C-alpha atoms as a PDB file:
ATOM      1  CA  MET A   1     -42.682 153.994 -90.780  1.00  0.00           C
ATOM      2  CA  GLN A   2     -38.811 154.825 -91.492  1.00  0.00           C
ATOM      3  CA  PRO A   3     -36.107 152.127 -91.670  1.00  0.00           C
ATOM      4  CA  GLU A   4     -33.891 151.501 -88.923  1.00  0.00           C
ATOM      5  CA  ILE A   5     -30.305 152.257 -89.358  1.00  0.00           C
ATOM      6  CA  ILE A   6     -28.122 150.188 -87.838  1.00  0.00           C
ATOM      7  CA  GLU A   7     -23.954 149.881 -87.493  1.00  0.00           C
ATOM      8  CA  ILE A   8     -22.836 146.523 -89.062  1.00  0.00           C
ATOM      9  CA  PRO A   9     -20.043 145.255 -86.479  1.00  0.00           C
ATOM     10  CA  GLU A  10     -17.215 142.650 -87.787  1.00  0.00           C
ATOM     11  CA  GLY A  11     -19.226 139.319 -87.954  1.00  0.00           C
ATOM     12  CA  LYS A  12     -22.123 140.665 -89.727  1.00  0.00           C
ATOM     13  CA  THR A  13     -20.136 142.470 -92.437  1.00  0.00           C
ATOM     14  CA  GLU A  14     -21.664 140.619 -95.106  1.00  0.00           C
ATOM     15  CA  LEU A  15     -25.104 142.014 -94.520  1.00  0.00           C
ATOM     16  CA  ALA A  16     -23.203 144.665 -96.292  1.00  0.00           C
ATOM     17  CA  VAL A  17     -21.418 142.930 -99.275  1.00  0.00           C
ATOM     18  CA  PRO A  18     -24.089 142.673-101.650  1.00  0.00           C
ATOM     19  CA  ALA A  19     -24.497 146.590-101.747  1.00  0.00           C
ATOM     20  CA  LEU A  20     -20.648 147.261-101.765  1.00  0.00           C
ATOM     21  CA  ARG A  21     -19.938 144.846-104.249  1.00  0.00           C
ATOM     22  CA  VAL A  22     -22.333 146.876-106.857  1.00  0.00           C
ATOM     23  CA  LEU A  23     -19.714 149.838-106.052  1.00  0.00           C
ATOM     24  CA  TRP A  24     -16.509 147.091-106.028  1.00  0.00           C
ATOM     25  CA  PRO A  25     -17.720 144.467-108.361  1.00  0.00           C
ATOM     26  CA  LYS A  26     -14.150 143.378-108.591  1.00  0.00           C
ATOM     27  CA  TYR A  27     -13.900 141.932-104.985  1.00  0.00           C
ATOM     28  CA  GLU A  28     -15.655 138.190-104.706  1.00  0.00           C
ATOM     29  CA  ALA A  29     -17.567 138.661-100.948  1.00  0.00           C
ATOM     30  CA  ALA A  30     -14.939 136.259 -98.872  1.00  0.00           C
ATOM     31  CA  GLU A  31     -12.306 138.167-100.033  1.00  0.00           C
ATOM     32  CA  MET A  32     -14.227 141.649 -99.568  1.00  0.00           C
ATOM     33  CA  ILE A  33     -15.058 140.735 -96.142  1.00  0.00           C
ATOM     34  CA  ARG A  34     -11.808 139.278 -95.180  1.00  0.00           C
ATOM     35  CA  ILE A  35     -10.588 142.833 -96.180  1.00  0.00           C
ATOM     36  CA  ILE A  36     -13.228 144.932 -94.586  1.00  0.00           C
ATOM     37  CA  ASP A  37     -12.427 142.839 -90.955  1.00  0.00           C
ATOM     38  CA  THR A  38      -8.555 142.299 -91.363  1.00  0.00           C
ATOM     39  CA  VAL A  39      -7.265 145.421 -92.957  1.00  0.00           C
ATOM     40  CA  LEU A  40     -10.160 148.216 -92.821  1.00  0.00           C
ATOM     41  CA  ARG A  41     -11.743 148.008 -89.547  1.00  0.00           C
ATOM     42  CA  PRO A  42      -8.346 147.780 -87.315  1.00  0.00           C
ATOM     43  CA  ASN A  43      -7.936 151.222 -89.307  1.00  0.00           C
ATOM     44  CA  GLY A  44     -10.726 152.887 -87.880  1.00  0.00           C
ATOM     45  CA  TYR A  45     -13.682 151.901 -90.896  1.00  0.00           C
ATOM     46  CA  ARG A  46     -17.105 151.524 -89.654  1.00  0.00           C
ATOM     47  CA  LEU A  47     -20.141 150.268 -91.904  1.00  0.00           C
ATOM     48  CA  ALA A  48     -23.809 151.713 -91.214  1.00  0.00           C
ATOM     49  CA  GLY A  49     -26.708 150.171 -92.987  1.00  0.00           C
ATOM     50  CA  ILE A  50     -30.638 150.042 -93.869  1.00  0.00           C
ATOM     51  CA  VAL A  51     -31.354 146.397 -93.282  1.00  0.00           C
ATOM     52  CA  PRO A  52     -35.408 146.492 -94.386  1.00  0.00           C
ATOM     53  CA  GLU A  53     -35.556 142.735 -93.723  1.00  0.00           C
ATOM     54  CA  PRO A  54     -34.595 140.743 -90.715  1.00  0.00           C
ATOM     55  CA  GLY A  55     -31.433 138.877 -91.604  1.00  0.00           C
ATOM     56  CA  GLY A  56     -31.484 139.720 -94.884  1.00  0.00           C
ATOM     57  CA  PRO A  57     -28.798 142.066 -96.393  1.00  0.00           C
ATOM     58  CA  ALA A  58     -28.455 145.990 -96.205  1.00  0.00           C
ATOM     59  CA  ALA A  59     -29.988 147.763 -98.801  1.00  0.00           C
ATOM     60  CA  CYS A  60     -27.942 150.710 -98.319  1.00  0.00           C
ATOM     61  CA  VAL A  61     -24.861 150.732 -97.067  1.00  0.00           C
ATOM     62  CA  LEU A  62     -22.233 153.792 -95.921  1.00  0.00           C
ATOM     63  CA  GLY A  63     -18.745 152.737 -94.789  1.00  0.00           C
ATOM     64  CA  PHE A  64     -17.054 155.745 -93.061  1.00  0.00           C
ATOM     65  CA  ARG A  65     -13.976 156.502 -90.671  1.00  0.00           C
ATOM     66  CA  LEU A  66     -13.388 159.576 -88.463  1.00  0.00           C
ATOM     67  CA  GLN A  67     -10.361 161.849 -89.685  1.00  0.00           C
ATOM     68  CA  HIS A  68      -8.041 164.411 -88.637  1.00  0.00           C
ATOM     69  CA  SER A  69      -6.597 167.273 -90.287  1.00  0.00           C
ATOM     70  CA  LEU A  70      -5.478 170.747 -90.283  1.00  0.00           C
ATOM     71  CA  TRP A  71      -8.086 171.761 -92.958  1.00  0.00           C
ATOM     72  CA  LEU A  72     -11.211 170.626 -90.924  1.00  0.00           C
ATOM     73  CA  GLY A  73     -10.111 169.238 -87.864  1.00  0.00           C
ATOM     74  CA  LYS A  74     -11.655 166.292 -86.851  1.00  0.00           C
ATOM     75  CA  SER A  75     -14.244 164.981 -89.479  1.00  0.00           C
ATOM     76  CA  PHE A  76     -16.809 162.219 -90.443  1.00  0.00           C
ATOM     77  CA  TYR A  77     -15.341 160.716 -93.580  1.00  0.00           C
ATOM     78  CA  ILE A  78     -17.575 158.341 -96.380  1.00  0.00           C
ATOM     79  CA  VAL A  79     -15.488 156.166 -97.772  1.00  0.00           C
ATOM     80  CA  ASP A  80     -17.937 154.078 -99.272  1.00  0.00           C
ATOM     81  CA  MET A  81     -22.000 154.394 -99.851  1.00  0.00           C
ATOM     82  CA  ALA A  82     -24.041 152.325-102.061  1.00  0.00           C
ATOM     83  CA  THR A  83     -27.814 150.774-102.426  1.00  0.00           C
ATOM     84  CA  LEU A  84     -28.728 147.427-104.273  1.00  0.00           C
ATOM     85  CA  PRO A  85     -30.452 148.831-107.848  1.00  0.00           C
ATOM     86  CA  ASP A  86     -33.674 147.009-106.879  1.00  0.00           C
ATOM     87  CA  GLN A  87     -33.864 149.159-103.636  1.00  0.00           C
ATOM     88  CA  ARG A  88     -33.086 152.446-105.483  1.00  0.00           C
ATOM     89  CA  GLY A  89     -36.052 155.394-105.651  1.00  0.00           C
ATOM     90  CA  ARG A  90     -36.990 154.753-102.128  1.00  0.00           C
ATOM     91  CA  GLY A  91     -35.037 157.381-100.427  1.00  0.00           C
ATOM     92  CA  TYR A  92     -32.085 155.414 -98.586  1.00  0.00           C
ATOM     93  CA  ALA A  93     -29.498 157.416 -99.867  1.00  0.00           C
ATOM     94  CA  ALA A  94     -31.028 160.609 -98.002  1.00  0.00           C
ATOM     95  CA  LEU A  95     -31.797 158.945 -95.169  1.00  0.00           C
ATOM     96  CA  ILE A  96     -28.423 157.370 -94.614  1.00  0.00           C
ATOM     97  CA  LEU A  97     -26.670 160.685 -94.820  1.00  0.00           C
ATOM     98  CA  ASP A  98     -29.237 162.483 -92.404  1.00  0.00           C
ATOM     99  CA  TRP A  99     -28.326 159.353 -90.261  1.00  0.00           C
ATOM    100  CA  ALA A 100     -24.203 160.370 -91.171  1.00  0.00           C
ATOM    101  CA  LYS A 101     -24.774 164.083 -90.498  1.00  0.00           C
ATOM    102  CA  ALA A 102     -26.590 163.496 -87.001  1.00  0.00           C
ATOM    103  CA  GLU A 103     -23.665 160.752 -86.221  1.00  0.00           C
ATOM    104  CA  ALA A 104     -21.265 163.144 -87.097  1.00  0.00           C
ATOM    105  CA  ALA A 105     -22.413 165.618 -85.159  1.00  0.00           C
ATOM    106  CA  ARG A 106     -22.675 163.564 -81.998  1.00  0.00           C
ATOM    107  CA  LEU A 107     -18.721 162.493 -82.535  1.00  0.00           C
ATOM    108  CA  GLY A 108     -18.129 166.013 -82.316  1.00  0.00           C
ATOM    109  CA  CYS A 109     -16.941 166.331 -86.054  1.00  0.00           C
ATOM    110  CA  THR A 110     -17.086 169.746 -87.625  1.00  0.00           C
ATOM    111  CA  ALA A 111     -17.656 167.960 -91.098  1.00  0.00           C
ATOM    112  CA  LEU A 112     -18.467 165.475 -93.681  1.00  0.00           C
ATOM    113  CA  HIS A 113     -16.422 164.505 -96.268  1.00  0.00           C
ATOM    114  CA  LEU A 114     -16.864 161.849 -99.025  1.00  0.00           C
ATOM    115  CA  ASP A 115     -15.614 161.550-102.497  1.00  0.00           C
ATOM    116  CA  SER A 116     -17.525 160.158-105.366  1.00  0.00           C
ATOM    117  CA  ALA A 117     -16.450 159.525-108.746  1.00  0.00           C
ATOM    118  CA  VAL A 118     -17.384 161.214-112.037  1.00  0.00           C
ATOM    119  CA  GLY A 119     -18.996 160.462-114.742  1.00  0.00           C
ATOM    120  CA  PRO A 120     -22.901 160.290-116.390  1.00  0.00           C
ATOM    121  CA  GLU A 121     -23.476 156.719-114.218  1.00  0.00           C
ATOM    122  CA  ARG A 122     -22.622 159.187-111.036  1.00  0.00           C
ATOM    123  CA  SER A 123     -25.247 162.047-111.896  1.00  0.00           C
ATOM    124  CA  SER A 124     -28.020 160.560-109.536  1.00  0.00           C
ATOM    125  CA  ALA A 125     -25.607 159.950-106.946  1.00  0.00           C
ATOM    126  CA  HIS A 126     -24.503 163.501-107.315  1.00  0.00           C
ATOM    127  CA  ARG A 127     -28.090 165.008-106.997  1.00  0.00           C
ATOM    128  CA  VAL A 128     -28.544 163.337-103.588  1.00  0.00           C
ATOM    129  CA  TYR A 129     -25.453 165.051-102.616  1.00  0.00           C
ATOM    130  CA  MET A 130     -25.887 168.105-103.749  1.00  0.00           C
ATOM    131  CA  GLY A 131     -29.590 167.801-102.407  1.00  0.00           C
ATOM    132  CA  LYS A 132     -28.227 167.609 -98.671  1.00  0.00           C
ATOM    133  CA  ARG A 133     -26.119 170.626 -99.255  1.00  0.00           C
ATOM    134  CA  TYR A 134     -22.840 168.922 -99.981  1.00  0.00           C
ATOM    135  CA  ARG A 135     -20.663 171.121-101.992  1.00  0.00           C
ATOM    136  CA  ILE A 136     -17.748 170.406-104.296  1.00  0.00           C
ATOM    137  CA  ALA A 137     -15.045 171.199-101.882  1.00  0.00           C
ATOM    138  CA  CYS A 138     -11.746 170.349-103.778  1.00  0.00           C
ATOM    139  CA  HIS A 139     -10.246 167.958-106.880  1.00  0.00           C
ATOM    140  CA  HIS A 140      -9.034 165.190-105.182  1.00  0.00           C
ATOM    141  CA  PHE A 141      -6.179 163.803-107.334  1.00  0.00           C
ATOM    142  CA  VAL A 142      -4.498 160.348-108.024  1.00  0.00           C
ATOM    143  CA  HIS A 143      -1.373 159.129-109.074  1.00  0.00           C
ATOM    144  CA  GLN A 144      -1.527 155.126-109.820  1.00  0.00           C
ATOM    145  CA  LEU A 145       1.783 153.394-109.061  1.00  0.00           C
ATOM    146  CA  ASP A 146       2.790 150.462-111.299  1.00  0.00           C
END
């Protein structure tokens, strides 16, 4: 039986925090919830997750938003994606990417986007993305401000 993927609404953000803290360990749980619910959600950020145990944390989480550009029109942008370390190897990342593709189509999007850090520690994630037919379409440049 495939696990259910649910949208995680405001008021239930804590379900996503353990997995998101794997990706963003610099945030304490309460601070992460505050930022998601008061800054990100009002700007269109949404969360979906696989919650294998009722009431338990999400094993795999996807944070996303819709965006519009001249390049690709309306698109589904995956902002965050993380799986709890003890839940890896169960196909959750592939499953949630399939959900994202179906949701993007349902919402009338023309493309899905995601950014991923580089380095050997990200190679397993990159294999999942490539296996789902994502391609490297551009370089993402960052200029940190002091």
